[in-house]
Amino acid sequence: MLLIKACPRCQGDVTPIVDFEGDLQLSCVQCGYSKYVPRGRRPDLAEAKPVVGTLRRAS
């Protein structure tokens, strides 16, 4: 999964990585920014609303 334009430093793409203990690390593909999120501090992803854009054909 790739989070588009989610990096707070460069607005680059962020990839979430879950380690063997269930902790989450967010890492930017472009600038290398990294943030560690412990298991107890993660938001419940089941309650999160997906962000879906609508593609429209140019007229």
C-alpha atoms as a PDB file:
ATOM      1  CA  MET A   1       0.000   0.000   0.000  1.00  0.00           C
ATOM      2  CA  LEU A   2       1.213   3.495  -0.776  1.00  0.00           C
ATOM      3  CA  LEU A   3      -0.108   6.682   0.820  1.00  0.00           C
ATOM      4  CA  ILE A   4       0.017   9.358  -1.870  1.00  0.00           C
ATOM      5  CA  LYS A   5       1.291  12.838  -0.841  1.00  0.00           C
ATOM      6  CA  ALA A   6       1.262  11.925   2.874  1.00  0.00           C
ATOM      7  CA  CYS A   7       4.805  12.948   3.852  1.00  0.00           C
ATOM      8  CA  PRO A   8       4.816  15.951   6.215  1.00  0.00           C
ATOM      9  CA  ARG A   9       8.291  16.988   5.055  1.00  0.00           C
ATOM     10  CA  CYS A  10       8.134  16.865   1.248  1.00  0.00           C
ATOM     11  CA  GLN A  11       4.529  15.843   0.418  1.00  0.00           C
ATOM     12  CA  GLY A  12       5.920  12.673  -1.105  1.00  0.00           C
ATOM     13  CA  ASP A  13       4.510   9.147  -1.070  1.00  0.00           C
ATOM     14  CA  VAL A  14       4.624   7.201   2.210  1.00  0.00           C
ATOM     15  CA  THR A  15       4.724   3.444   2.598  1.00  0.00           C
ATOM     16  CA  PRO A  16       3.539   1.833   5.852  1.00  0.00           C
ATOM     17  CA  ILE A  17       5.622  -1.089   7.151  1.00  0.00           C
ATOM     18  CA  VAL A  18       4.368  -3.335   9.978  1.00  0.00           C
ATOM     19  CA  ASP A  19       7.094  -5.200  11.880  1.00  0.00           C
ATOM     20  CA  PHE A  20       6.830  -8.614  13.530  1.00  0.00           C
ATOM     21  CA  GLU A  21       5.638  -7.088  16.835  1.00  0.00           C
ATOM     22  CA  GLY A  22       2.763  -5.257  15.139  1.00  0.00           C
ATOM     23  CA  ASP A  23       4.309  -1.790  15.355  1.00  0.00           C
ATOM     24  CA  LEU A  24       4.002   0.533  12.372  1.00  0.00           C
ATOM     25  CA  GLN A  25       6.722   2.512  10.622  1.00  0.00           C
ATOM     26  CA  LEU A  26       5.830   5.121   8.014  1.00  0.00           C
ATOM     27  CA  SER A  27       8.601   5.793   5.511  1.00  0.00           C
ATOM     28  CA  CYS A  28       8.703   8.335   2.659  1.00  0.00           C
ATOM     29  CA  VAL A  29       9.867   6.993  -0.689  1.00  0.00           C
ATOM     30  CA  GLN A  30      11.182  10.348  -1.957  1.00  0.00           C
ATOM     31  CA  CYS A  31      13.022  11.969   0.991  1.00  0.00           C
ATOM     32  CA  GLY A  32      13.468   9.088   3.457  1.00  0.00           C
ATOM     33  CA  TYR A  33      11.457  10.650   6.308  1.00  0.00           C
ATOM     34  CA  SER A  34      10.516   7.965   8.816  1.00  0.00           C
ATOM     35  CA  LYS A  35       8.070   7.906  11.715  1.00  0.00           C
ATOM     36  CA  TYR A  36       7.626   5.090  14.238  1.00  0.00           C
ATOM     37  CA  VAL A  37       4.070   4.501  15.506  1.00  0.00           C
ATOM     38  CA  PRO A  38       3.763   2.021  18.411  1.00  0.00           C
ATOM     39  CA  ARG A  39       0.923  -0.482  18.356  1.00  0.00           C
ATOM     40  CA  GLY A  40      -1.077   1.248  21.134  1.00  0.00           C
ATOM     41  CA  ARG A  41      -0.998   4.656  19.387  1.00  0.00           C
ATOM     42  CA  ARG A  42      -2.269   3.570  15.967  1.00  0.00           C
ATOM     43  CA  PRO A  43      -5.677   4.761  14.788  1.00  0.00           C
ATOM     44  CA  ASP A  44      -8.279   2.093  14.126  1.00  0.00           C
ATOM     45  CA  LEU A  45      -8.123   1.651  10.367  1.00  0.00           C
ATOM     46  CA  ALA A  46     -11.522  -0.087  10.304  1.00  0.00           C
ATOM     47  CA  GLU A  47     -13.180   3.217  11.251  1.00  0.00           C
ATOM     48  CA  ALA A  48     -11.199   5.291   8.756  1.00  0.00           C
ATOM     49  CA  LYS A  49     -12.969   6.396   5.605  1.00  0.00           C
ATOM     50  CA  PRO A  50     -11.112   5.633   2.378  1.00  0.00           C
ATOM     51  CA  VAL A  51     -10.139   8.582   0.221  1.00  0.00           C
ATOM     52  CA  VAL A  52     -11.261   7.826  -3.298  1.00  0.00           C
ATOM     53  CA  GLY A  53     -11.074  10.298  -6.141  1.00  0.00           C
ATOM     54  CA  THR A  54     -13.502  10.333  -9.008  1.00  0.00           C
ATOM     55  CA  LEU A  55     -12.047  10.095 -12.459  1.00  0.00           C
ATOM     56  CA  ARG A  56     -13.875  12.095 -15.074  1.00  0.00           C
ATOM     57  CA  ARG A  57     -13.410  11.966 -18.765  1.00  0.00           C
ATOM     58  CA  ALA A  58     -12.298  15.232 -20.358  1.00  0.00           C
ATOM     59  CA  SER A  59     -14.907  16.662 -22.663  1.00  0.00           C
END
